[in-house]
């Protein structure tokens, strides 16, 4: 009986650490793009996460500003790093050129979709466009 009680205590502690880890990771992912007030600049474009599987540690409604360029992919050196097997290491790039927002697929395995159509070349984005990258759906703001 004592053995069972010890095991149960251990299991409860492990579960508590897992929950704490997920909370801290979610907070980190949300806050890593918050800028200092001194660095603040006006942002004309952003993408908002509209839908994603619950297994991915990203909160629906998260907004990612596009200052000059952001890269989306699985690798940690992307501006938006998403741990999803349907997203390539370097999946897509959003950038501003001539004060307009563009997207290009970085030769990803599963492709990048704009308003339901697979990207072939770079394409201009406008407010309200819907992007599908892996299993994630983003909406263009700006």
N, C-alpha and C. Protein backbone atom coordinates (compact mmCIF):
# COMPACT_ATOMS: atom_id res chain seq x y z
N UNK A 1 0.82 -1.20 0.00
CA UNK A 1 0.00 0.00 0.00
C UNK A 1 0.87 1.26 0.00
N UNK A 2 1.97 1.20 0.80
CA UNK A 2 2.88 2.35 0.83
C UNK A 2 3.50 2.59 -0.53
N UNK A 3 3.86 1.51 -1.17
CA UNK A 3 4.45 1.61 -2.50
C UNK A 3 3.51 2.31 -3.47
N UNK A 4 2.24 1.93 -3.45
CA UNK A 4 1.24 2.54 -4.33
C UNK A 4 1.08 4.03 -4.03
N UNK A 5 1.09 4.41 -2.78
CA UNK A 5 0.98 5.82 -2.40
C UNK A 5 2.18 6.61 -2.90
N UNK A 6 3.36 6.04 -2.82
CA UNK A 6 4.57 6.73 -3.33
C UNK A 6 4.51 6.91 -4.84
N UNK A 7 4.08 5.87 -5.52
CA UNK A 7 3.95 5.95 -6.98
C UNK A 7 2.93 7.02 -7.37
N UNK A 8 1.82 7.06 -6.68
CA UNK A 8 0.77 8.05 -6.99
C UNK A 8 1.29 9.47 -6.75
N UNK A 9 2.04 9.69 -5.67
CA UNK A 9 2.63 11.01 -5.42
C UNK A 9 3.55 11.40 -6.57
N UNK A 10 4.38 10.46 -7.00
CA UNK A 10 5.29 10.72 -8.10
C UNK A 10 4.53 11.07 -9.37
N UNK A 11 3.49 10.34 -9.69
CA UNK A 11 2.68 10.59 -10.88
C UNK A 11 2.04 11.98 -10.82
N UNK A 12 1.52 12.37 -9.68
CA UNK A 12 0.90 13.68 -9.53
C UNK A 12 1.94 14.78 -9.73
N UNK A 13 3.13 14.59 -9.18
CA UNK A 13 4.20 15.59 -9.35
C UNK A 13 4.59 15.71 -10.82
N UNK A 14 4.73 14.61 -11.52
CA UNK A 14 5.08 14.62 -12.94
C UNK A 14 3.99 15.35 -13.75
N UNK A 15 2.75 15.07 -13.47
CA UNK A 15 1.64 15.73 -14.18
C UNK A 15 1.67 17.24 -13.92
N UNK A 16 1.94 17.62 -12.69
CA UNK A 16 2.02 19.05 -12.37
C UNK A 16 3.15 19.72 -13.16
N UNK A 17 4.31 19.06 -13.27
CA UNK A 17 5.42 19.62 -14.03
C UNK A 17 5.10 19.71 -15.52
N UNK A 18 4.42 18.74 -16.04
CA UNK A 18 4.02 18.78 -17.46
C UNK A 18 3.09 19.96 -17.70
N UNK A 19 2.12 20.15 -16.85
CA UNK A 19 1.18 21.27 -17.00
C UNK A 19 1.93 22.59 -16.88
N UNK A 20 2.82 22.72 -15.92
CA UNK A 20 3.60 23.94 -15.74
C UNK A 20 4.47 24.21 -16.98
N UNK A 21 5.09 23.16 -17.52
CA UNK A 21 5.91 23.30 -18.72
C UNK A 21 5.09 23.83 -19.89
N UNK A 22 3.90 23.28 -20.09
CA UNK A 22 3.06 23.71 -21.21
C UNK A 22 2.62 25.16 -21.05
N UNK A 23 2.32 25.57 -19.83
CA UNK A 23 1.91 26.95 -19.57
C UNK A 23 3.07 27.90 -19.88
N UNK A 24 4.25 27.58 -19.38
CA UNK A 24 5.42 28.44 -19.60
C UNK A 24 5.77 28.48 -21.09
N UNK A 25 5.70 27.36 -21.78
CA UNK A 25 6.03 27.34 -23.21
C UNK A 25 5.04 28.18 -24.00
N UNK A 26 3.76 28.08 -23.68
CA UNK A 26 2.74 28.89 -24.37
C UNK A 26 2.98 30.37 -24.12
N UNK A 27 3.29 30.72 -22.89
CA UNK A 27 3.56 32.13 -22.58
C UNK A 27 4.78 32.61 -23.33
N UNK A 28 5.82 31.80 -23.40
CA UNK A 28 7.03 32.17 -24.12
C UNK A 28 6.73 32.40 -25.60
N UNK A 29 6.00 31.47 -26.21
CA UNK A 29 5.68 31.61 -27.63
C UNK A 29 4.87 32.87 -27.91
N UNK A 30 3.95 33.20 -27.02
CA UNK A 30 3.14 34.40 -27.20
C UNK A 30 3.93 35.67 -26.95
N UNK A 31 4.83 35.65 -26.00
CA UNK A 31 5.53 36.87 -25.61
C UNK A 31 6.83 37.11 -26.37
N UNK A 32 7.30 36.13 -27.10
CA UNK A 32 8.59 36.29 -27.74
C UNK A 32 8.56 37.35 -28.84
N UNK A 33 7.39 37.72 -29.32
CA UNK A 33 7.30 38.74 -30.36
C UNK A 33 6.88 40.10 -29.83
N UNK A 34 6.70 40.22 -28.52
CA UNK A 34 6.35 41.50 -27.94
C UNK A 34 7.60 42.36 -27.93
N UNK A 35 7.49 43.57 -28.41
CA UNK A 35 8.64 44.46 -28.51
C UNK A 35 8.67 45.40 -27.32
N UNK A 36 9.85 45.90 -27.01
CA UNK A 36 9.98 46.94 -26.00
C UNK A 36 9.35 48.22 -26.52
N UNK A 37 8.86 49.06 -25.62
CA UNK A 37 8.24 50.31 -26.05
C UNK A 37 9.23 51.19 -26.79
N UNK A 38 10.53 51.12 -26.42
CA UNK A 38 11.55 51.92 -27.10
C UNK A 38 11.73 51.47 -28.55
N UNK A 39 11.54 50.19 -28.82
CA UNK A 39 11.72 49.65 -30.16
C UNK A 39 10.45 49.71 -30.99
N UNK A 40 9.38 50.19 -30.40
CA UNK A 40 8.08 50.12 -31.05
C UNK A 40 8.09 50.93 -32.36
N UNK A 41 7.57 50.33 -33.38
CA UNK A 41 7.40 51.01 -34.65
C UNK A 41 6.03 50.64 -35.19
N UNK A 42 5.55 51.46 -36.08
CA UNK A 42 4.22 51.20 -36.61
C UNK A 42 4.26 49.99 -37.54
N UNK A 43 3.32 49.11 -37.36
CA UNK A 43 3.24 47.90 -38.17
C UNK A 43 2.01 48.00 -39.05
N UNK A 44 2.20 47.82 -40.35
CA UNK A 44 1.09 47.89 -41.28
C UNK A 44 0.47 46.52 -41.54
N UNK A 45 1.25 45.46 -41.34
CA UNK A 45 0.77 44.12 -41.67
C UNK A 45 1.04 43.15 -40.52
N UNK A 46 0.17 42.15 -40.44
CA UNK A 46 0.34 41.07 -39.47
C UNK A 46 -0.46 39.88 -39.96
N UNK A 47 -0.21 38.73 -39.35
CA UNK A 47 -1.05 37.55 -39.61
C UNK A 47 -1.58 37.07 -38.27
N UNK A 48 -2.83 36.64 -38.28
CA UNK A 48 -3.49 36.16 -37.07
C UNK A 48 -3.80 34.69 -37.23
N UNK A 49 -3.47 33.90 -36.22
CA UNK A 49 -3.75 32.47 -36.25
C UNK A 49 -5.24 32.25 -36.02
N UNK A 50 -5.90 31.69 -37.01
CA UNK A 50 -7.35 31.47 -36.93
C UNK A 50 -7.70 30.05 -36.48
N UNK A 51 -6.89 29.06 -36.90
CA UNK A 51 -7.21 27.68 -36.57
C UNK A 51 -5.95 26.85 -36.55
N UNK A 52 -5.89 25.92 -35.60
CA UNK A 52 -4.78 24.96 -35.53
C UNK A 52 -5.20 23.79 -34.66
N UNK A 53 -4.55 22.65 -34.83
CA UNK A 53 -4.86 21.50 -33.98
C UNK A 53 -4.50 21.80 -32.53
N UNK A 54 -5.23 21.19 -31.62
CA UNK A 54 -4.96 21.41 -30.19
C UNK A 54 -3.62 20.82 -29.77
N UNK A 55 -3.09 19.90 -30.55
CA UNK A 55 -1.81 19.27 -30.20
C UNK A 55 -0.63 20.22 -30.38
N UNK A 56 -0.84 21.34 -31.07
CA UNK A 56 0.22 22.32 -31.29
C UNK A 56 0.11 23.39 -30.20
N UNK A 57 1.25 23.72 -29.60
CA UNK A 57 1.26 24.66 -28.48
C UNK A 57 1.23 26.11 -28.94
N UNK A 58 0.21 26.49 -29.66
CA UNK A 58 0.02 27.87 -30.07
C UNK A 58 -1.43 28.22 -29.78
N UNK A 59 -1.65 29.44 -29.35
CA UNK A 59 -2.99 29.87 -28.99
C UNK A 59 -3.68 30.50 -30.20
N UNK A 60 -4.89 30.04 -30.49
CA UNK A 60 -5.67 30.65 -31.56
C UNK A 60 -5.86 32.13 -31.23
N UNK A 61 -5.75 32.96 -32.25
CA UNK A 61 -5.87 34.40 -32.04
C UNK A 61 -4.52 35.08 -31.89
N UNK A 62 -3.43 34.30 -31.82
CA UNK A 62 -2.09 34.90 -31.74
C UNK A 62 -1.84 35.72 -32.99
N UNK A 63 -1.23 36.89 -32.81
CA UNK A 63 -0.96 37.80 -33.93
C UNK A 63 0.55 37.94 -34.07
N UNK A 64 1.04 37.80 -35.31
CA UNK A 64 2.45 37.91 -35.62
C UNK A 64 2.64 39.10 -36.56
N UNK A 65 3.25 40.19 -36.07
CA UNK A 65 3.45 41.37 -36.92
C UNK A 65 4.53 41.10 -37.97
N UNK A 66 4.36 41.72 -39.13
CA UNK A 66 5.36 41.63 -40.20
C UNK A 66 6.00 43.00 -40.30
N UNK A 67 7.24 43.13 -39.80
CA UNK A 67 7.93 44.42 -39.84
C UNK A 67 8.64 44.59 -41.18
N UNK A 68 9.43 43.64 -41.58
CA UNK A 68 10.05 43.67 -42.90
C UNK A 68 9.95 42.29 -43.54
N UNK A 69 10.27 41.25 -42.73
CA UNK A 69 10.16 39.87 -43.23
C UNK A 69 10.03 38.94 -42.04
N UNK A 70 9.19 37.91 -42.18
CA UNK A 70 9.14 36.83 -41.20
C UNK A 70 9.15 35.51 -41.95
N UNK A 71 9.84 34.55 -41.35
CA UNK A 71 9.90 33.21 -41.90
C UNK A 71 9.15 32.27 -40.98
N UNK A 72 8.42 31.35 -41.59
CA UNK A 72 7.62 30.39 -40.84
C UNK A 72 8.13 29.00 -41.16
N UNK A 73 8.34 28.19 -40.13
CA UNK A 73 8.81 26.83 -40.33
C UNK A 73 8.97 26.10 -39.02
N UNK A 74 9.50 24.88 -39.10
CA UNK A 74 9.67 24.05 -37.91
C UNK A 74 10.95 24.36 -37.15
N UNK A 75 11.98 24.80 -37.84
CA UNK A 75 13.27 25.08 -37.19
C UNK A 75 13.16 26.27 -36.26
N UNK A 76 13.93 26.23 -35.17
CA UNK A 76 13.90 27.29 -34.15
C UNK A 76 14.40 28.64 -34.67
N UNK A 77 15.20 28.66 -35.74
CA UNK A 77 15.72 29.94 -36.22
C UNK A 77 14.73 30.70 -37.11
N UNK A 78 13.55 30.16 -37.32
CA UNK A 78 12.48 30.90 -38.00
C UNK A 78 11.89 31.92 -37.03
N UNK A 79 11.34 33.02 -37.57
CA UNK A 79 10.67 33.99 -36.71
C UNK A 79 9.44 33.38 -36.05
N UNK A 80 8.72 32.56 -36.80
CA UNK A 80 7.58 31.83 -36.26
C UNK A 80 7.92 30.35 -36.39
N UNK A 81 8.35 29.76 -35.27
CA UNK A 81 8.74 28.34 -35.25
C UNK A 81 7.56 27.52 -34.73
N UNK A 82 7.09 26.57 -35.55
CA UNK A 82 5.92 25.78 -35.22
C UNK A 82 6.29 24.30 -35.29
N UNK A 83 6.12 23.62 -34.19
CA UNK A 83 6.45 22.20 -34.11
C UNK A 83 5.27 21.37 -34.62
N UNK A 84 5.22 21.20 -35.93
CA UNK A 84 4.14 20.45 -36.56
C UNK A 84 4.75 19.64 -37.71
N UNK A 85 4.52 18.33 -37.77
CA UNK A 85 5.12 17.53 -38.83
C UNK A 85 4.64 17.88 -40.24
N UNK A 86 3.54 18.64 -40.35
CA UNK A 86 3.04 19.03 -41.66
C UNK A 86 3.69 20.32 -42.16
N UNK A 87 4.55 20.91 -41.36
CA UNK A 87 5.24 22.14 -41.73
C UNK A 87 6.70 21.82 -41.96
N UNK A 88 7.26 22.33 -43.07
CA UNK A 88 8.66 22.08 -43.40
C UNK A 88 9.58 22.89 -42.49
N UNK A 89 10.86 22.52 -42.49
CA UNK A 89 11.84 23.25 -41.67
C UNK A 89 11.82 24.74 -41.99
N UNK A 90 11.79 25.08 -43.26
CA UNK A 90 11.66 26.46 -43.73
C UNK A 90 10.50 26.45 -44.72
N UNK A 91 9.33 26.82 -44.26
CA UNK A 91 8.10 26.59 -45.03
C UNK A 91 7.72 27.77 -45.92
N UNK A 92 7.59 28.96 -45.32
CA UNK A 92 7.12 30.11 -46.09
C UNK A 92 7.76 31.39 -45.56
N UNK A 93 7.79 32.39 -46.42
CA UNK A 93 8.34 33.69 -46.04
C UNK A 93 7.34 34.78 -46.41
N UNK A 94 7.07 35.67 -45.46
CA UNK A 94 6.24 36.85 -45.71
C UNK A 94 7.14 38.06 -45.62
N UNK A 95 7.03 38.97 -46.56
CA UNK A 95 7.91 40.13 -46.56
C UNK A 95 7.21 41.32 -47.19
N UNK A 96 7.72 42.49 -46.85
CA UNK A 96 7.18 43.74 -47.38
C UNK A 96 8.11 44.24 -48.47
N UNK A 97 7.52 44.53 -49.63
CA UNK A 97 8.27 45.07 -50.76
C UNK A 97 7.44 46.20 -51.36
N UNK A 98 8.02 47.37 -51.48
CA UNK A 98 7.32 48.54 -52.01
C UNK A 98 6.04 48.81 -51.22
N UNK A 99 6.13 48.68 -49.89
CA UNK A 99 5.02 48.92 -48.97
C UNK A 99 3.82 47.99 -49.19
N UNK A 100 4.05 46.86 -49.84
CA UNK A 100 3.01 45.84 -50.03
C UNK A 100 3.52 44.53 -49.45
N UNK A 101 2.58 43.69 -48.99
CA UNK A 101 2.93 42.43 -48.35
C UNK A 101 2.89 41.29 -49.37
N UNK A 102 3.93 40.46 -49.34
CA UNK A 102 4.04 39.32 -50.24
C UNK A 102 4.32 38.06 -49.44
N UNK A 103 4.00 36.92 -50.05
CA UNK A 103 4.32 35.62 -49.47
C UNK A 103 4.94 34.76 -50.56
N UNK A 104 5.90 33.92 -50.14
CA UNK A 104 6.43 32.92 -51.07
C UNK A 104 6.68 31.64 -50.31
N UNK A 105 6.43 30.54 -50.98
CA UNK A 105 6.67 29.23 -50.43
C UNK A 105 8.16 28.93 -50.58
N UNK A 106 8.75 28.35 -49.55
CA UNK A 106 10.19 28.06 -49.55
C UNK A 106 10.45 26.60 -49.95
N UNK A 107 9.78 26.16 -51.03
CA UNK A 107 9.90 24.78 -51.52
C UNK A 107 9.50 23.77 -50.43
N UNK A 108 8.42 24.07 -49.75
CA UNK A 108 7.94 23.19 -48.69
C UNK A 108 7.37 21.90 -49.27
N UNK A 109 7.35 20.87 -48.46
CA UNK A 109 6.84 19.58 -48.89
C UNK A 109 5.34 19.62 -49.16
N UNK A 110 4.57 20.21 -48.24
CA UNK A 110 3.11 20.20 -48.35
C UNK A 110 2.53 21.46 -48.98
N UNK A 111 3.36 22.42 -49.32
CA UNK A 111 2.88 23.61 -50.00
C UNK A 111 2.29 24.64 -49.04
N UNK A 112 2.10 25.83 -49.59
CA UNK A 112 1.47 26.95 -48.90
C UNK A 112 0.27 27.36 -49.73
N UNK A 113 -0.85 27.63 -49.07
CA UNK A 113 -2.08 27.93 -49.77
C UNK A 113 -2.57 29.33 -49.41
N UNK A 114 -3.01 30.06 -50.44
CA UNK A 114 -3.61 31.38 -50.26
C UNK A 114 -5.03 31.30 -50.77
N UNK A 115 -5.99 31.54 -49.88
CA UNK A 115 -7.41 31.47 -50.23
C UNK A 115 -7.76 30.16 -50.93
N UNK A 116 -7.18 29.06 -50.46
CA UNK A 116 -7.49 27.73 -50.98
C UNK A 116 -6.71 27.31 -52.20
N UNK A 117 -5.87 28.18 -52.75
CA UNK A 117 -5.08 27.84 -53.95
C UNK A 117 -3.61 27.75 -53.60
N UNK A 118 -2.97 26.71 -54.10
CA UNK A 118 -1.55 26.49 -53.82
C UNK A 118 -0.70 27.55 -54.49
N UNK A 119 0.26 28.09 -53.74
CA UNK A 119 1.16 29.11 -54.29
C UNK A 119 2.14 28.47 -55.27
N UNK A 120 2.34 29.12 -56.39
CA UNK A 120 3.34 28.68 -57.37
C UNK A 120 4.54 29.62 -57.36
N UNK A 121 4.26 30.92 -57.23
CA UNK A 121 5.28 31.96 -57.19
C UNK A 121 4.98 32.85 -55.99
N UNK A 122 5.75 33.92 -55.85
CA UNK A 122 5.42 34.87 -54.80
C UNK A 122 4.09 35.52 -55.17
N UNK A 123 3.29 35.83 -54.14
CA UNK A 123 2.00 36.45 -54.39
C UNK A 123 1.78 37.57 -53.40
N UNK A 124 1.11 38.61 -53.85
CA UNK A 124 0.77 39.73 -52.97
C UNK A 124 -0.39 39.33 -52.07
N UNK A 125 -0.34 39.80 -50.83
CA UNK A 125 -1.40 39.54 -49.86
C UNK A 125 -2.13 40.84 -49.55
N UNK A 126 -3.42 40.72 -49.32
CA UNK A 126 -4.23 41.87 -48.92
C UNK A 126 -5.02 41.50 -47.67
N UNK A 127 -5.56 42.51 -47.02
CA UNK A 127 -6.33 42.31 -45.80
C UNK A 127 -7.44 41.26 -46.02
N UNK A 128 -7.49 40.29 -45.12
CA UNK A 128 -8.53 39.27 -45.19
C UNK A 128 -8.14 38.01 -45.92
N UNK A 129 -7.00 38.00 -46.63
CA UNK A 129 -6.55 36.77 -47.28
C UNK A 129 -6.35 35.69 -46.22
N UNK A 130 -6.65 34.44 -46.60
CA UNK A 130 -6.51 33.30 -45.69
C UNK A 130 -5.34 32.45 -46.18
N UNK A 131 -4.41 32.17 -45.27
CA UNK A 131 -3.23 31.36 -45.58
C UNK A 131 -3.33 30.04 -44.85
N UNK A 132 -2.98 28.96 -45.54
CA UNK A 132 -2.91 27.65 -44.90
C UNK A 132 -1.48 27.16 -45.02
N UNK A 133 -0.86 26.99 -43.87
CA UNK A 133 0.52 26.54 -43.79
C UNK A 133 0.52 25.31 -42.90
N UNK A 134 0.75 24.15 -43.50
CA UNK A 134 0.62 22.91 -42.75
C UNK A 134 -0.82 22.74 -42.34
N UNK A 135 -1.07 22.53 -41.05
CA UNK A 135 -2.44 22.41 -40.55
C UNK A 135 -2.93 23.69 -39.91
N UNK A 136 -2.18 24.78 -40.06
CA UNK A 136 -2.52 26.05 -39.45
C UNK A 136 -3.18 26.98 -40.47
N UNK A 137 -4.13 27.76 -40.00
CA UNK A 137 -4.81 28.71 -40.87
C UNK A 137 -4.60 30.10 -40.28
N UNK A 138 -4.08 31.01 -41.10
CA UNK A 138 -3.83 32.39 -40.72
C UNK A 138 -4.69 33.33 -41.55
N UNK A 139 -5.00 34.50 -40.99
CA UNK A 139 -5.68 35.55 -41.73
C UNK A 139 -4.76 36.76 -41.77
N UNK A 140 -4.69 37.38 -42.94
CA UNK A 140 -3.84 38.57 -43.12
C UNK A 140 -4.56 39.78 -42.56
N UNK A 141 -3.84 40.57 -41.80
CA UNK A 141 -4.38 41.82 -41.24
C UNK A 141 -3.54 42.97 -41.81
N UNK A 142 -4.21 43.95 -42.37
CA UNK A 142 -3.50 45.14 -42.83
C UNK A 142 -3.74 45.49 -44.25
